Amino acid sequence: MPRYLLIVDYQPGVIDTPMEKWKPAEIKAHMDYYDALNAELTASGELVGGEALTGLEYAKVVTADGRTAPVVTDGPYAEFKEMLAGFQTVVVDSEARALEIAARVSAVPGPGGVPLQQPIHVRRVMEAADFDRLMAGE
């Protein structure tokens, strides 16, 4: 069955207020929603894994040529809204099911219980056949 990565970035959806300014009960409701959804997807065998990531202030960028010491810098410095905040990997029967799960992730509650409607990027994980097609020039 195909695997899909559901990507959450820092685009706010319909709520612009950053989470650090939410009430503690609102953060708890937000996280409880994710916990319940993840428990459901784990029970169905669809959730492979997922994580929330620390803030950008902790990010590092590593570049290396394989011969000399790697270069480690603070960063990254892309647009904040384009940075990865977290992800889930699901294994599902179809793209339609991945999109259905992404819609539920998008509806996670924010301040006042309002569904965030945060954009969730859905990408299929490449499989061996995808690489075979690339090598065949297709």
C-alpha atoms as a PDB file:
ATOM      1  CA  MET A   1       0.000   0.000   0.000  1.00  0.00           C
ATOM      2  CA  PRO A   2       1.240   3.485  -0.711  1.00  0.00           C
ATOM      3  CA  ARG A   3       2.621   5.711   2.032  1.00  0.00           C
ATOM      4  CA  TYR A   4       1.921   9.432   2.201  1.00  0.00           C
ATOM      5  CA  LEU A   5       3.586  12.191   4.148  1.00  0.00           C
ATOM      6  CA  LEU A   6       1.183  14.749   5.601  1.00  0.00           C
ATOM      7  CA  ILE A   7       3.198  17.919   6.099  1.00  0.00           C
ATOM      8  CA  VAL A   8       2.282  20.633   8.576  1.00  0.00           C
ATOM      9  CA  ASP A   9       4.106  23.930   8.184  1.00  0.00           C
ATOM     10  CA  TYR A  10       3.751  27.291   9.888  1.00  0.00           C
ATOM     11  CA  GLN A  11       0.968  28.621   7.651  1.00  0.00           C
ATOM     12  CA  PRO A  12      -1.677  29.775  10.117  1.00  0.00           C
ATOM     13  CA  GLY A  13      -4.886  28.823   8.330  1.00  0.00           C
ATOM     14  CA  VAL A  14      -7.755  31.020   9.512  1.00  0.00           C
ATOM     15  CA  ILE A  15      -6.097  31.888  12.855  1.00  0.00           C
ATOM     16  CA  ASP A  16      -3.073  34.207  12.854  1.00  0.00           C
ATOM     17  CA  THR A  17      -2.419  34.042  16.603  1.00  0.00           C
ATOM     18  CA  PRO A  18       0.776  32.032  17.283  1.00  0.00           C
ATOM     19  CA  MET A  19       0.337  29.062  19.623  1.00  0.00           C
ATOM     20  CA  GLU A  20       2.522  30.612  22.323  1.00  0.00           C
ATOM     21  CA  LYS A  21      -0.238  33.227  22.765  1.00  0.00           C
ATOM     22  CA  TRP A  22      -3.080  30.693  23.083  1.00  0.00           C
ATOM     23  CA  LYS A  23      -4.633  29.864  26.456  1.00  0.00           C
ATOM     24  CA  PRO A  24      -3.300  26.664  28.050  1.00  0.00           C
ATOM     25  CA  ALA A  25      -6.721  25.001  27.634  1.00  0.00           C
ATOM     26  CA  GLU A  26      -6.667  25.823  23.908  1.00  0.00           C
ATOM     27  CA  ILE A  27      -3.233  24.234  23.497  1.00  0.00           C
ATOM     28  CA  LYS A  28      -4.469  21.173  25.421  1.00  0.00           C
ATOM     29  CA  ALA A  29      -7.559  20.867  23.186  1.00  0.00           C
ATOM     30  CA  HIS A  30      -5.313  21.173  20.116  1.00  0.00           C
ATOM     31  CA  MET A  31      -2.964  18.449  21.318  1.00  0.00           C
ATOM     32  CA  ASP A  32      -5.823  16.230  22.563  1.00  0.00           C
ATOM     33  CA  TYR A  33      -7.325  16.371  19.054  1.00  0.00           C
ATOM     34  CA  TYR A  34      -4.033  15.193  17.557  1.00  0.00           C
ATOM     35  CA  ASP A  35      -3.687  12.477  20.219  1.00  0.00           C
ATOM     36  CA  ALA A  36      -7.199  11.149  19.497  1.00  0.00           C
ATOM     37  CA  LEU A  37      -6.693  11.234  15.730  1.00  0.00           C
ATOM     38  CA  ASN A  38      -3.302   9.539  16.015  1.00  0.00           C
ATOM     39  CA  ALA A  39      -4.746   6.850  18.337  1.00  0.00           C
ATOM     40  CA  GLU A  40      -7.516   6.173  15.811  1.00  0.00           C
ATOM     41  CA  LEU A  41      -5.055   5.974  12.901  1.00  0.00           C
ATOM     42  CA  THR A  42      -2.713   3.742  14.910  1.00  0.00           C
ATOM     43  CA  ALA A  43      -5.589   1.390  15.779  1.00  0.00           C
ATOM     44  CA  SER A  44      -6.567   1.184  12.087  1.00  0.00           C
ATOM     45  CA  GLY A  45      -2.939   0.453  11.131  1.00  0.00           C
ATOM     46  CA  GLU A  46      -2.736   3.576   8.969  1.00  0.00           C
ATOM     47  CA  LEU A  47      -0.340   5.702  11.045  1.00  0.00           C
ATOM     48  CA  VAL A  48       3.299   4.830  10.450  1.00  0.00           C
ATOM     49  CA  GLY A  49       4.644   7.724  12.507  1.00  0.00           C
ATOM     50  CA  GLY A  50       4.735  11.437  12.968  1.00  0.00           C
ATOM     51  CA  GLU A  51       6.206  14.139  15.106  1.00  0.00           C
ATOM     52  CA  ALA A  52       5.891  17.781  16.013  1.00  0.00           C
ATOM     53  CA  LEU A  53       9.218  19.573  15.615  1.00  0.00           C
ATOM     54  CA  THR A  54      10.916  22.135  17.835  1.00  0.00           C
ATOM     55  CA  GLY A  55      10.915  25.760  16.783  1.00  0.00           C
ATOM     56  CA  LEU A  56      13.115  27.217  14.102  1.00  0.00           C
ATOM     57  CA  GLU A  57      15.350  28.803  16.700  1.00  0.00           C
ATOM     58  CA  TYR A  58      16.766  25.311  17.330  1.00  0.00           C
ATOM     59  CA  ALA A  59      17.302  24.417  13.662  1.00  0.00           C
ATOM     60  CA  LYS A  60      20.753  23.734  12.226  1.00  0.00           C
ATOM     61  CA  VAL A  61      21.863  23.326   8.626  1.00  0.00           C
ATOM     62  CA  VAL A  62      24.653  20.847   7.860  1.00  0.00           C
ATOM     63  CA  THR A  63      26.614  20.730   4.619  1.00  0.00           C
ATOM     64  CA  ALA A  64      29.454  18.338   3.912  1.00  0.00           C
ATOM     65  CA  ASP A  65      31.655  17.175   1.064  1.00  0.00           C
ATOM     66  CA  GLY A  66      32.444  13.828   2.738  1.00  0.00           C
ATOM     67  CA  ARG A  67      36.139  14.658   3.048  1.00  0.00           C
ATOM     68  CA  THR A  68      36.439  17.603   5.410  1.00  0.00           C
ATOM     69  CA  ALA A  69      34.626  18.511   8.587  1.00  0.00           C
ATOM     70  CA  PRO A  70      30.968  19.339   8.004  1.00  0.00           C
ATOM     71  CA  VAL A  71      29.863  22.958   8.216  1.00  0.00           C
ATOM     72  CA  VAL A  72      27.083  23.516  10.747  1.00  0.00           C
ATOM     73  CA  THR A  73      25.209  26.803  10.761  1.00  0.00           C
ATOM     74  CA  ASP A  74      22.176  28.177  12.506  1.00  0.00           C
ATOM     75  CA  GLY A  75      19.150  28.419  10.346  1.00  0.00           C
ATOM     76  CA  PRO A  76      17.377  27.804   8.116  1.00  0.00           C
ATOM     77  CA  TYR A  77      16.377  31.254   6.957  1.00  0.00           C
ATOM     78  CA  ALA A  78      13.571  30.545   4.505  1.00  0.00           C
ATOM     79  CA  GLU A  79      10.146  32.111   4.847  1.00  0.00           C
ATOM     80  CA  PHE A  80       8.844  31.152   8.289  1.00  0.00           C
ATOM     81  CA  LYS A  81       5.533  29.882   6.902  1.00  0.00           C
ATOM     82  CA  GLU A  82       7.416  27.504   4.599  1.00  0.00           C
ATOM     83  CA  MET A  83       9.224  25.729   7.422  1.00  0.00           C
ATOM     84  CA  LEU A  84       8.215  22.253   8.578  1.00  0.00           C
ATOM     85  CA  ALA A  85       6.392  22.237  11.920  1.00  0.00           C
ATOM     86  CA  GLY A  86       5.536  18.540  11.999  1.00  0.00           C
ATOM     87  CA  PHE A  87       4.454  15.567   9.952  1.00  0.00           C
ATOM     88  CA  GLN A  88       2.587  12.291   9.902  1.00  0.00           C
ATOM     89  CA  THR A  89       3.300   9.312   7.680  1.00  0.00           C
ATOM     90  CA  VAL A  90       0.305   7.179   6.809  1.00  0.00           C
ATOM     91  CA  VAL A  91      -0.031   3.951   4.859  1.00  0.00           C
ATOM     92  CA  VAL A  92      -3.403   3.872   3.147  1.00  0.00           C
ATOM     93  CA  ASP A  93      -5.287   2.170   0.320  1.00  0.00           C
ATOM     94  CA  SER A  94      -5.514   5.292  -1.816  1.00  0.00           C
ATOM     95  CA  GLU A  95      -4.655   8.927  -2.282  1.00  0.00           C
ATOM     96  CA  ALA A  96      -8.303   9.685  -1.508  1.00  0.00           C
ATOM     97  CA  ARG A  97      -7.859   8.222   1.995  1.00  0.00           C
ATOM     98  CA  ALA A  98      -4.665  10.252   2.523  1.00  0.00           C
ATOM     99  CA  LEU A  99      -6.570  13.403   1.544  1.00  0.00           C
ATOM    100  CA  GLU A 100      -9.392  12.491   3.925  1.00  0.00           C
ATOM    101  CA  ILE A 101      -6.925  12.164   6.806  1.00  0.00           C
ATOM    102  CA  ALA A 102      -5.219  15.432   5.806  1.00  0.00           C
ATOM    103  CA  ALA A 103      -8.605  17.166   5.971  1.00  0.00           C
ATOM    104  CA  ARG A 104      -9.013  15.962   9.546  1.00  0.00           C
ATOM    105  CA  VAL A 105      -5.534  17.234  10.412  1.00  0.00           C
ATOM    106  CA  SER A 106      -6.426  20.605   8.858  1.00  0.00           C
ATOM    107  CA  ALA A 107      -9.490  20.828  11.107  1.00  0.00           C
ATOM    108  CA  VAL A 108      -7.448  20.710  14.342  1.00  0.00           C
ATOM    109  CA  PRO A 109      -8.895  23.246  16.796  1.00  0.00           C
ATOM    110  CA  GLY A 110      -7.195  26.525  17.576  1.00  0.00           C
ATOM    111  CA  PRO A 111      -8.171  29.408  19.874  1.00  0.00           C
ATOM    112  CA  GLY A 112     -11.822  29.263  20.890  1.00  0.00           C
ATOM    113  CA  GLY A 113     -12.094  25.777  19.386  1.00  0.00           C
ATOM    114  CA  VAL A 114     -12.183  27.211  15.856  1.00  0.00           C
ATOM    115  CA  PRO A 115     -10.876  24.666  13.299  1.00  0.00           C
ATOM    116  CA  LEU A 116      -7.557  26.080  12.043  1.00  0.00           C
ATOM    117  CA  GLN A 117      -8.082  25.076   8.406  1.00  0.00           C
ATOM    118  CA  GLN A 118      -4.297  24.972   8.208  1.00  0.00           C
ATOM    119  CA  PRO A 119      -3.005  23.861   4.797  1.00  0.00           C
ATOM    120  CA  ILE A 120      -1.699  20.288   4.936  1.00  0.00           C
ATOM    121  CA  HIS A 121       0.635  19.215   2.148  1.00  0.00           C
ATOM    122  CA  VAL A 122       0.165  15.615   1.000  1.00  0.00           C
ATOM    123  CA  ARG A 123       3.043  13.851  -0.752  1.00  0.00           C
ATOM    124  CA  ARG A 124       3.289  10.195  -1.721  1.00  0.00           C
ATOM    125  CA  VAL A 125       6.481   8.528  -0.551  1.00  0.00           C
ATOM    126  CA  MET A 126       8.502   7.261  -3.506  1.00  0.00           C
ATOM    127  CA  GLU A 127       8.681   3.516  -3.972  1.00  0.00           C
ATOM    128  CA  ALA A 128      11.181   1.311  -5.822  1.00  0.00           C
ATOM    129  CA  ALA A 129       9.009   1.425  -8.962  1.00  0.00           C
ATOM    130  CA  ASP A 130       9.284   5.233  -8.989  1.00  0.00           C
ATOM    131  CA  PHE A 131      13.076   5.005  -9.005  1.00  0.00           C
ATOM    132  CA  ASP A 132      12.948   2.325 -11.692  1.00  0.00           C
ATOM    133  CA  ARG A 133      10.895   4.678 -13.901  1.00  0.00           C
ATOM    134  CA  LEU A 134      13.402   7.478 -13.307  1.00  0.00           C
ATOM    135  CA  MET A 135      16.328   5.266 -14.251  1.00  0.00           C
ATOM    136  CA  ALA A 136      14.459   4.116 -17.353  1.00  0.00           C
ATOM    137  CA  GLY A 137      14.022   7.742 -18.386  1.00  0.00           C
ATOM    138  CA  GLU A 138      10.247   7.719 -18.140  1.00  0.00           C
END
